[in-house]
Amino acid sequence: MLSKWKRILAASTSSVLMLSVLIGVGAGSVNAADTSATQNASQDVFRIVALGDSITAGYEPGMTDVNTKPYGYAERLLEQGWYHGRSELTNYGILGLTTAGLRNYSGAIKDGSAITAEGIQSGLPDPRIEQFVRLTPQIASELKEADLITITIGGNDVSRLFLQVKELTDTDFESQLEQKLADYNTNVKASLENIRVINPQATIILADQYQPAPKIALGAMYTKLMTAAAKFTDSADRVAASMNQEGAKVLVAHVAAKFADSEGSLTHIIGAGQADFHPTQLGYETIAKVFAELQWGEYRIPTVAAMATDTVPMSIVVKGVELNTPNKPILKNGQNFLALKDILNAVGANGKWDNKTSSATIEYGGRTVVITIGSKFIKVNGQNVAIDTPAFLQKVGKEDKTYLPLAALATGLGFDVNYSSKLRTAFINP
């Protein structure tokens, strides 16, 4: 098992190159969702910026299909944000990044200075690195406006040392470990200080470093590496504590403790193909839970996500509350339709029905919207606005209910509407 585990580094270095076409760089990195509405600049939006390495990027081995989109911890955090209001995510996870690379990169972002790929870190395997180089002004702007900044970093600092554990004497291992810890402490603190200059108030959550190899692979060495990983957790705790302030929190997401004794299911170390230290989907969900519970005190899963069958209608979450209604969503011609009355009741909007014109008139947020059954236009403050699919009447029990396409809520009423295909849930925030 150990010989297989020692192939992790080589496998990971080559396989990250597969990701070049899979992850978009910069704004709108909402890989888990089909976003139906753009954010309104006048609305209060919770902004998340994710920095760090390939774990932030959401990488998993075998990502070769151009249609595959990463669904990591950051994308899950965005979904959790939708439970609490309008939210957006930009993800700047760089494959192969070390703490020194993050220090260099965050320093250039802070200073507004030009930097090269080699200036960030020599030999970075991320094929998007030139895009990251060009984006430093944009990232500075986004960091400045961020409410939450998340960081995963450190795995690339220690992976080689951990792989050599059986080849080194205890003295050599401990000596190298202490140097790695010193570098980690210096680089992470400098990175956090750089970020704090850009944004003095955002909450920063830094993940500690999990040890990826299970006991069955390491045998007696398992305890030794777990002790080493615990030292990195202690270092992260100390650095965060030195910078944590009221109104400017710096917190540690204790991921390592959640992975302990569960490495086989939470990482790709064991299983088909080459061993890989990156999280599985269950691992990414575990990481997201730790982050979300620090930020919001909870991690929520919609009812439909717990169901085993795809025949269950999608969930609807309005202003953080999952709707429980007999008027179930309908999938028609590839579009999701919702019962208009349920949404209006949930947000407190006023609406009236006109039998003569088969139309509903809604007043909300300074808008007057007229939705006519069968029409491919809706009227917004007297102006025609095109919609892809018209509203229709659906018999529910003894009543006819007006159903309109999900996208029309954004087009007509100005709601922020996001659909998560992974959770099969629509999140609607006025």
Protein backbone atom coordinates (compact mmCIF):
# COMPACT_ATOMS: atom_id res chain seq x y z
CA MET A 1 0.00 0.00 0.00
CA LEU A 2 2.80 2.42 0.80
CA SER A 3 4.37 1.92 -2.60
CA LYS A 4 1.05 2.85 -4.17
CA TRP A 5 0.77 5.90 -1.94
CA LYS A 6 4.27 7.03 -2.98
CA ARG A 7 2.98 7.36 -6.54
CA ILE A 8 0.62 10.12 -5.42
CA LEU A 9 2.94 13.02 -6.08
CA ALA A 10 3.93 11.92 -9.56
CA ALA A 11 0.32 11.14 -10.44
CA SER A 12 -0.94 14.45 -9.12
CA THR A 13 1.72 16.48 -10.92
CA SER A 14 0.80 15.02 -14.28
CA SER A 15 -2.94 14.85 -13.80
CA VAL A 16 -3.39 18.50 -12.90
CA LEU A 17 -2.61 19.30 -16.51
CA MET A 18 -5.92 17.68 -17.43
CA LEU A 19 -7.75 20.50 -15.75
CA SER A 20 -6.80 23.21 -18.23
CA VAL A 21 -10.17 23.31 -19.93
CA LEU A 22 -12.28 22.47 -16.93
CA ILE A 23 -12.08 25.42 -14.56
CA GLY A 24 -12.86 28.96 -15.57
CA VAL A 25 -10.79 31.71 -14.02
CA GLY A 26 -12.28 34.72 -12.32
CA ALA A 27 -15.70 36.20 -11.85
CA GLY A 28 -18.73 33.99 -12.17
CA SER A 29 -17.00 30.78 -11.15
CA VAL A 30 -20.32 29.25 -10.14
CA ASN A 31 -19.49 25.75 -11.33
CA ALA A 32 -22.24 24.00 -9.40
CA ALA A 33 -25.11 26.13 -10.58
CA ASP A 34 -26.99 27.41 -13.56
CA THR A 35 -27.40 31.04 -12.60
CA SER A 36 -30.56 32.62 -13.97
CA ALA A 37 -30.11 36.16 -12.69
CA THR A 38 -27.24 38.57 -12.55
CA GLN A 39 -26.57 40.38 -9.30
CA ASN A 40 -28.08 43.85 -9.02
CA ALA A 41 -25.45 46.36 -7.95
CA SER A 42 -28.02 48.12 -5.76
CA GLN A 43 -28.73 44.93 -3.81
CA ASP A 44 -26.76 43.68 -0.84
CA VAL A 45 -24.67 40.75 -2.07
CA PHE A 46 -22.55 38.46 0.10
CA ARG A 47 -19.27 38.10 -1.78
CA ILE A 48 -16.97 35.10 -1.37
CA VAL A 49 -13.43 35.02 -2.77
CA ALA A 50 -11.64 31.66 -2.63
CA LEU A 51 -7.83 31.60 -2.75
CA GLY A 52 -5.29 28.81 -2.51
CA ASP A 53 -4.32 25.57 -4.18
CA SER A 54 -5.99 22.76 -6.13
CA ILE A 55 -8.32 21.96 -3.22
CA THR A 56 -9.77 25.45 -3.56
CA ALA A 57 -9.98 24.81 -7.32
CA GLY A 58 -12.06 21.69 -6.60
CA TYR A 59 -9.79 19.32 -8.49
CA GLU A 60 -10.41 15.57 -8.64
CA PRO A 61 -8.37 13.00 -10.61
CA GLY A 62 -9.66 12.06 -14.03
CA MET A 63 -11.17 15.43 -14.93
CA THR A 64 -10.65 15.12 -18.67
CA ASP A 65 -14.14 15.78 -20.03
CA VAL A 66 -14.44 19.39 -21.20
CA ASN A 67 -18.03 19.43 -19.96
CA THR A 68 -17.04 18.51 -16.43
CA LYS A 69 -17.16 21.36 -13.94
CA PRO A 70 -15.50 21.11 -10.53
CA TYR A 71 -17.87 20.94 -7.59
CA GLY A 72 -15.63 21.54 -4.61
CA TYR A 73 -15.95 23.11 -1.21
CA ALA A 74 -16.09 26.67 -2.60
CA GLU A 75 -19.05 25.94 -4.88
CA ARG A 76 -20.86 24.33 -1.97
CA LEU A 77 -20.16 27.42 0.14
CA LEU A 78 -21.83 29.52 -2.54
CA GLU A 79 -24.93 27.34 -2.28
CA GLN A 80 -24.92 27.81 1.47
CA GLY A 81 -24.67 31.54 0.89
CA TRP A 82 -27.85 31.43 -1.19
CA TYR A 83 -29.69 30.18 1.88
CA HIS A 84 -28.83 33.48 3.54
CA GLY A 85 -29.37 35.92 0.68
CA ARG A 86 -27.85 37.06 -2.59
CA SER A 87 -24.34 35.62 -2.86
CA GLU A 88 -21.60 35.30 -5.43
CA LEU A 89 -18.29 33.45 -5.65
CA THR A 90 -15.02 34.00 -7.44
CA ASN A 91 -12.58 31.11 -7.25
CA TYR A 92 -8.85 31.64 -7.70
CA GLY A 93 -7.52 28.23 -6.71
CA ILE A 94 -4.15 27.64 -8.42
CA LEU A 95 -3.03 24.08 -9.05
CA GLY A 96 0.26 23.27 -7.33
CA LEU A 97 0.43 26.51 -5.31
CA THR A 98 2.53 26.52 -2.14
CA THR A 99 2.45 28.90 0.81
CA ALA A 100 5.43 30.74 -0.70
CA GLY A 101 3.53 31.11 -3.97
CA LEU A 102 0.50 32.49 -2.14
CA ARG A 103 2.72 34.94 -0.31
CA ASN A 104 4.25 36.16 -3.57
CA TYR A 105 0.93 36.35 -5.37
CA SER A 106 -0.97 38.09 -2.58
CA GLY A 107 1.92 40.55 -2.24
CA ALA A 108 1.68 41.50 -5.90
CA ILE A 109 -2.09 41.84 -5.63
CA LYS A 110 -1.69 44.07 -2.57
CA ASP A 111 0.97 46.27 -4.16
CA GLY A 112 -0.71 46.45 -7.56
CA SER A 113 2.59 45.42 -9.10
CA ALA A 114 3.21 43.31 -12.17
CA ILE A 115 4.26 39.73 -11.55
CA THR A 116 5.24 36.82 -13.77
CA ALA A 117 4.29 33.18 -13.44
CA GLU A 118 7.82 32.45 -12.25
CA GLY A 119 7.52 35.33 -9.83
CA ILE A 120 4.56 33.65 -8.21
CA GLN A 121 6.18 30.23 -8.05
CA SER A 122 8.67 28.40 -10.22
CA GLY A 123 7.30 25.51 -12.27
CA LEU A 124 3.60 25.86 -11.44
CA PRO A 125 1.71 23.13 -13.33
CA ASP A 126 -1.53 25.11 -13.68
CA PRO A 127 -2.10 25.76 -17.41
CA ARG A 128 -4.16 28.85 -16.50
CA ILE A 129 -1.33 30.57 -14.67
CA GLU A 130 -0.88 33.32 -17.28
CA GLN A 131 -4.54 34.24 -16.79
CA PHE A 132 -3.96 34.49 -13.05
CA VAL A 133 -1.00 36.76 -13.72
CA ARG A 134 -3.15 39.12 -15.78
CA LEU A 135 -6.00 39.12 -13.29
CA THR A 136 -4.18 40.67 -10.32
CA PRO A 137 -5.99 44.06 -10.63
CA GLN A 138 -9.37 42.31 -10.84
CA ILE A 139 -8.58 40.07 -7.87
CA ALA A 140 -7.52 43.09 -5.83
CA SER A 141 -10.87 44.73 -6.53
CA GLU A 142 -12.79 41.58 -5.65
CA LEU A 143 -10.82 41.01 -2.46
CA LYS A 144 -11.51 44.59 -1.44
CA GLU A 145 -15.27 44.01 -1.75
CA ALA A 146 -15.29 40.49 -0.26
CA ASP A 147 -17.28 39.58 2.83
CA LEU A 148 -15.65 36.15 3.17
CA ILE A 149 -12.19 35.06 1.99
CA THR A 150 -11.40 31.35 2.13
CA ILE A 151 -7.97 29.75 1.82
CA THR A 152 -6.68 26.21 1.45
CA ILE A 153 -2.88 26.06 1.30
CA GLY A 154 -0.03 23.93 2.59
CA GLY A 155 -0.51 20.51 1.02
CA ASN A 156 2.06 21.16 -1.69
CA ASP A 157 4.54 22.29 0.98
CA VAL A 158 4.56 18.99 2.83
CA SER A 159 3.56 16.30 0.34
CA ARG A 160 7.12 15.34 -0.64
CA LEU A 161 8.23 15.13 2.97
CA PHE A 162 5.28 12.95 3.92
CA LEU A 163 5.99 10.67 0.96
CA GLN A 164 9.57 10.19 2.16
CA VAL A 165 8.63 9.29 5.71
CA LYS A 166 9.97 5.70 5.52
CA GLU A 167 13.17 6.72 3.80
CA LEU A 168 14.25 9.31 6.36
CA THR A 169 15.62 8.78 9.82
CA ASP A 170 13.52 10.21 12.64
CA THR A 171 16.09 12.96 13.09
CA ASP A 172 16.08 13.94 9.41
CA PHE A 173 12.30 13.83 9.24
CA GLU A 174 11.87 16.02 12.31
CA SER A 175 14.51 18.46 11.10
CA GLN A 176 12.84 18.88 7.72
CA LEU A 177 9.42 19.06 9.35
CA GLU A 178 10.51 21.93 11.61
CA GLN A 179 11.81 23.82 8.58
CA LYS A 180 8.56 23.25 6.72
CA LEU A 181 6.61 24.46 9.74
CA ALA A 182 8.75 27.59 10.03
CA ASP A 183 8.26 28.36 6.33
CA TYR A 184 4.53 27.67 6.59
CA ASN A 185 4.17 30.00 9.56
CA THR A 186 6.13 32.81 7.87
CA ASN A 187 4.43 32.51 4.49
CA VAL A 188 0.87 32.11 5.75
CA LYS A 189 1.18 35.04 8.13
CA ALA A 190 2.63 37.24 5.37
CA SER A 191 -0.19 36.19 3.02
CA LEU A 192 -2.84 37.02 5.61
CA GLU A 193 -1.18 40.38 6.27
CA ASN A 194 -1.23 41.13 2.53
CA ILE A 195 -4.92 40.28 2.35
CA ARG A 196 -5.65 42.39 5.42
CA VAL A 197 -4.11 45.44 3.76
CA ILE A 198 -6.48 44.96 0.82
CA ASN A 199 -9.51 44.24 2.99
CA PRO A 200 -9.29 45.15 6.68
CA GLN A 201 -12.68 43.72 7.67
CA ALA A 202 -13.64 40.60 5.72
CA THR A 203 -13.80 37.31 7.58
CA ILE A 204 -10.88 35.11 6.54
CA ILE A 205 -11.14 31.35 7.02
CA LEU A 206 -7.95 29.31 6.60
CA ALA A 207 -8.13 25.52 6.40
CA ASP A 208 -5.55 23.45 8.23
CA GLN A 209 -3.78 20.61 6.42
CA TYR A 210 -5.24 17.11 6.51
CA GLN A 211 -3.02 14.05 6.32
CA PRO A 212 -4.37 12.06 3.32
CA ALA A 213 -3.01 8.51 3.75
CA PRO A 214 -5.06 5.94 5.71
CA LYS A 215 -3.67 3.77 8.48
CA ILE A 216 -3.90 0.67 6.29
CA ALA A 217 -1.37 2.23 3.89
CA LEU A 218 1.03 3.60 6.49
CA GLY A 219 0.95 1.09 9.31
CA ALA A 220 3.11 2.31 12.17
CA MET A 221 3.93 5.50 10.29
CA TYR A 222 0.31 6.68 10.49
CA THR A 223 0.71 8.06 13.99
CA LYS A 224 3.92 9.81 13.01
CA LEU A 225 2.32 11.63 10.10
CA MET A 226 -0.81 12.45 12.07
CA THR A 227 1.41 14.04 14.71
CA ALA A 228 3.16 16.03 11.99
CA ALA A 229 -0.18 17.19 10.55
CA ALA A 230 -1.27 18.24 14.04
CA LYS A 231 1.74 20.53 14.20
CA PHE A 232 0.54 22.29 11.07
CA THR A 233 -2.86 22.71 12.67
CA ASP A 234 -1.20 24.24 15.73
CA SER A 235 0.73 26.61 13.48
CA ALA A 236 -2.43 27.65 11.62
CA ASP A 237 -4.19 28.23 14.96
CA ARG A 238 -1.37 30.41 16.24
CA VAL A 239 -1.12 32.49 13.08
CA ALA A 240 -4.89 33.02 12.99
CA ALA A 241 -5.03 33.92 16.69
CA SER A 242 -2.30 36.51 16.21
CA MET A 243 -4.42 38.31 13.60
CA ASN A 244 -7.97 37.64 14.76
CA GLN A 245 -9.81 40.77 15.86
CA GLU A 246 -13.37 41.77 16.64
CA GLY A 247 -14.91 42.82 13.35
CA ALA A 248 -11.99 41.38 11.39
CA LYS A 249 -12.08 37.66 12.08
CA VAL A 250 -9.37 35.23 11.05
CA LEU A 251 -10.55 31.69 11.74
CA VAL A 252 -9.23 28.18 11.14
CA ALA A 253 -11.35 25.51 9.49
CA HIS A 254 -10.26 22.35 11.30
CA VAL A 255 -10.55 20.02 8.35
CA ALA A 256 -7.76 17.66 9.46
CA ALA A 257 -9.76 16.36 12.41
CA LYS A 258 -12.68 15.47 10.13
CA PHE A 259 -10.43 13.51 7.76
CA ALA A 260 -8.69 11.53 10.52
CA ASP A 261 -9.51 7.81 10.29
CA SER A 262 -11.69 8.51 7.23
CA GLU A 263 -8.98 9.17 4.65
CA GLY A 264 -10.03 6.20 2.52
CA SER A 265 -13.49 7.61 1.83
CA LEU A 266 -12.68 11.34 1.91
CA THR A 267 -9.70 11.23 -0.48
CA HIS A 268 -8.80 9.40 -3.69
CA ILE A 269 -5.93 7.55 -2.02
CA ILE A 270 -7.68 4.18 -2.30
CA GLY A 271 -9.77 3.10 -5.26
CA ALA A 272 -9.65 2.66 -8.99
CA GLY A 273 -6.83 4.38 -10.84
CA GLN A 274 -3.79 6.05 -9.42
CA ALA A 275 -3.70 7.12 -5.80
CA ASP A 276 -4.35 10.82 -5.33
CA PHE A 277 -4.51 12.96 -2.20
CA HIS A 278 -7.32 15.22 -3.42
CA PRO A 279 -10.73 14.98 -1.76
CA THR A 280 -13.57 12.90 -3.11
CA GLN A 281 -16.99 14.52 -3.43
CA LEU A 282 -17.68 13.39 0.13
CA GLY A 283 -14.38 14.95 1.14
CA TYR A 284 -15.24 18.27 -0.48
CA GLU A 285 -18.62 18.26 1.23
CA THR A 286 -16.87 17.60 4.54
CA ILE A 287 -14.57 20.59 3.98
CA ALA A 288 -17.52 22.79 3.00
CA LYS A 289 -19.38 21.83 6.17
CA VAL A 290 -16.47 22.98 8.34
CA PHE A 291 -16.27 26.33 6.53
CA ALA A 292 -20.05 26.85 6.51
CA GLU A 293 -20.47 26.07 10.18
CA LEU A 294 -17.80 28.63 11.03
CA GLN A 295 -19.46 31.28 8.85
CA TRP A 296 -23.17 30.60 9.37
CA GLY A 297 -23.33 28.10 12.22
CA GLU A 298 -24.95 25.47 10.00
CA TYR A 299 -24.72 23.45 6.80
CA ARG A 300 -28.06 22.89 5.12
CA ILE A 301 -29.17 20.26 2.63
CA PRO A 302 -32.52 20.59 0.82
CA THR A 303 -35.04 17.80 1.13
CA VAL A 304 -34.76 16.71 -2.48
CA ALA A 305 -30.98 16.26 -2.20
CA ALA A 306 -31.53 13.52 0.37
CA MET A 307 -33.88 11.61 -1.94
CA ALA A 308 -32.57 8.67 -3.91
CA THR A 309 -34.81 9.17 -6.96
CA ASP A 310 -34.70 11.82 -9.67
CA THR A 311 -38.49 11.68 -9.97
CA VAL A 312 -38.92 13.83 -6.86
CA PRO A 313 -39.61 17.48 -7.87
CA MET A 314 -36.86 19.98 -7.26
CA SER A 315 -36.77 21.96 -4.03
CA ILE A 316 -37.57 25.66 -3.89
CA VAL A 317 -35.86 27.84 -1.29
CA VAL A 318 -37.21 31.38 -0.96
CA LYS A 319 -35.44 33.79 1.40
CA GLY A 320 -33.76 30.82 3.06
CA VAL A 321 -36.98 28.87 3.66
CA GLU A 322 -37.68 25.67 1.76
CA LEU A 323 -41.22 25.77 0.43
CA ASN A 324 -43.58 23.01 1.49
CA THR A 325 -46.53 23.25 -0.84
CA PRO A 326 -48.88 20.95 -2.77
CA ASN A 327 -48.12 23.05 -5.87
CA LYS A 328 -45.04 21.16 -6.93
CA PRO A 329 -42.57 22.52 -9.48
CA ILE A 330 -43.08 21.26 -13.03
CA LEU A 331 -40.44 20.43 -15.64
CA LYS A 332 -41.79 21.25 -19.09
CA ASN A 333 -39.88 21.57 -22.37
CA GLY A 334 -36.60 21.57 -20.43
CA GLN A 335 -37.70 24.51 -18.25
CA ASN A 336 -38.56 24.55 -14.56
CA PHE A 337 -41.91 26.15 -13.77
CA LEU A 338 -43.09 27.32 -10.35
CA ALA A 339 -46.52 28.16 -8.97
CA LEU A 340 -46.63 31.95 -8.96
CA LYS A 341 -48.84 32.24 -5.88
CA ASP A 342 -46.39 30.31 -3.69
CA ILE A 343 -43.53 32.62 -4.59
CA LEU A 344 -45.59 35.76 -4.07
CA ASN A 345 -46.76 34.54 -0.66
CA ALA A 346 -43.19 33.69 0.34
CA VAL A 347 -41.83 37.15 -0.47
CA GLY A 348 -44.91 39.12 0.58
CA ALA A 349 -45.73 40.47 -2.87
CA ASN A 350 -49.19 41.59 -3.96
CA GLY A 351 -50.89 40.00 -6.94
CA LYS A 352 -54.32 39.90 -8.60
CA TRP A 353 -55.82 37.80 -11.37
CA ASP A 354 -57.80 39.16 -14.33
CA ASN A 355 -60.08 36.51 -15.87
CA LYS A 356 -60.83 38.62 -18.95
CA THR A 357 -57.19 38.90 -20.01
CA SER A 358 -55.95 35.67 -18.36
CA SER A 359 -53.21 37.67 -16.72
CA ALA A 360 -51.73 38.19 -13.28
CA THR A 361 -50.57 41.63 -12.12
CA ILE A 362 -47.89 41.72 -9.43
CA GLU A 363 -46.56 44.69 -7.53
CA TYR A 364 -43.26 44.32 -5.74
CA GLY A 365 -40.15 46.38 -5.10
CA GLY A 366 -41.32 49.36 -7.15
CA ARG A 367 -42.21 47.18 -10.13
CA THR A 368 -45.56 46.41 -11.69
CA VAL A 369 -45.37 43.16 -13.63
CA VAL A 370 -48.12 41.69 -15.83
CA ILE A 371 -47.86 38.01 -16.71
CA THR A 372 -50.27 36.76 -19.38
CA ILE A 373 -50.94 33.07 -19.91
CA GLY A 374 -49.47 31.87 -23.21
CA SER A 375 -47.56 35.07 -23.96
CA LYS A 376 -43.84 35.12 -24.67
CA PHE A 377 -43.67 38.62 -23.24
CA ILE A 378 -44.27 39.99 -19.79
CA LYS A 379 -44.83 43.65 -19.04
CA VAL A 380 -42.49 45.29 -16.57
CA ASN A 381 -43.58 48.83 -15.68
CA GLY A 382 -45.43 48.98 -18.98
CA GLN A 383 -42.56 47.70 -21.14
CA ASN A 384 -42.60 44.36 -22.95
CA VAL A 385 -39.84 41.99 -21.86
CA ALA A 386 -39.30 38.72 -23.74
CA ILE A 387 -39.29 35.39 -21.91
CA ASP A 388 -38.23 32.06 -23.42
CA THR A 389 -41.31 30.09 -22.38
CA PRO A 390 -44.77 31.45 -21.57
CA ALA A 391 -46.68 30.96 -18.34
CA PHE A 392 -49.51 28.39 -18.30
CA LEU A 393 -52.39 27.25 -16.10
CA GLN A 394 -52.07 23.93 -14.29
CA LYS A 395 -54.94 22.14 -12.57
CA VAL A 396 -54.05 21.45 -8.93
CA GLY A 397 -56.93 19.78 -7.17
CA LYS A 398 -59.98 21.84 -8.08
CA GLU A 399 -58.06 25.04 -8.81
CA ASP A 400 -56.13 26.37 -11.77
CA LYS A 401 -52.71 27.65 -10.73
CA THR A 402 -50.51 30.03 -12.73
CA TYR A 403 -47.13 28.50 -13.41
CA LEU A 404 -44.31 30.60 -14.80
CA PRO A 405 -40.73 29.76 -15.80
CA LEU A 406 -38.06 30.11 -13.14
CA ALA A 407 -36.12 32.62 -15.25
CA ALA A 408 -39.14 34.95 -15.43
CA LEU A 409 -38.84 35.63 -11.71
CA ALA A 410 -35.51 37.26 -12.42
CA THR A 411 -36.55 38.92 -15.68
CA GLY A 412 -39.81 40.30 -14.39
CA LEU A 413 -39.58 40.77 -10.65
CA GLY A 414 -35.84 41.38 -10.39
CA PHE A 415 -35.30 38.46 -8.02
CA ASP A 416 -31.93 36.76 -7.70
CA VAL A 417 -32.63 33.24 -8.95
CA ASN A 418 -30.06 30.45 -8.96
CA TYR A 419 -30.54 26.80 -9.76
CA SER A 420 -28.13 24.22 -8.37
CA SER A 421 -28.13 21.16 -10.58
CA LYS A 422 -26.21 19.23 -7.92
CA LEU A 423 -28.80 19.93 -5.23
CA ARG A 424 -31.71 20.08 -7.70
CA THR A 425 -32.79 23.20 -5.90
CA ALA A 426 -33.79 26.71 -6.94
CA PHE A 427 -32.70 29.49 -4.60
CA ILE A 428 -34.79 32.66 -4.87
CA ASN A 429 -33.81 35.86 -3.08
CA PRO A 430 -35.73 39.13 -3.60
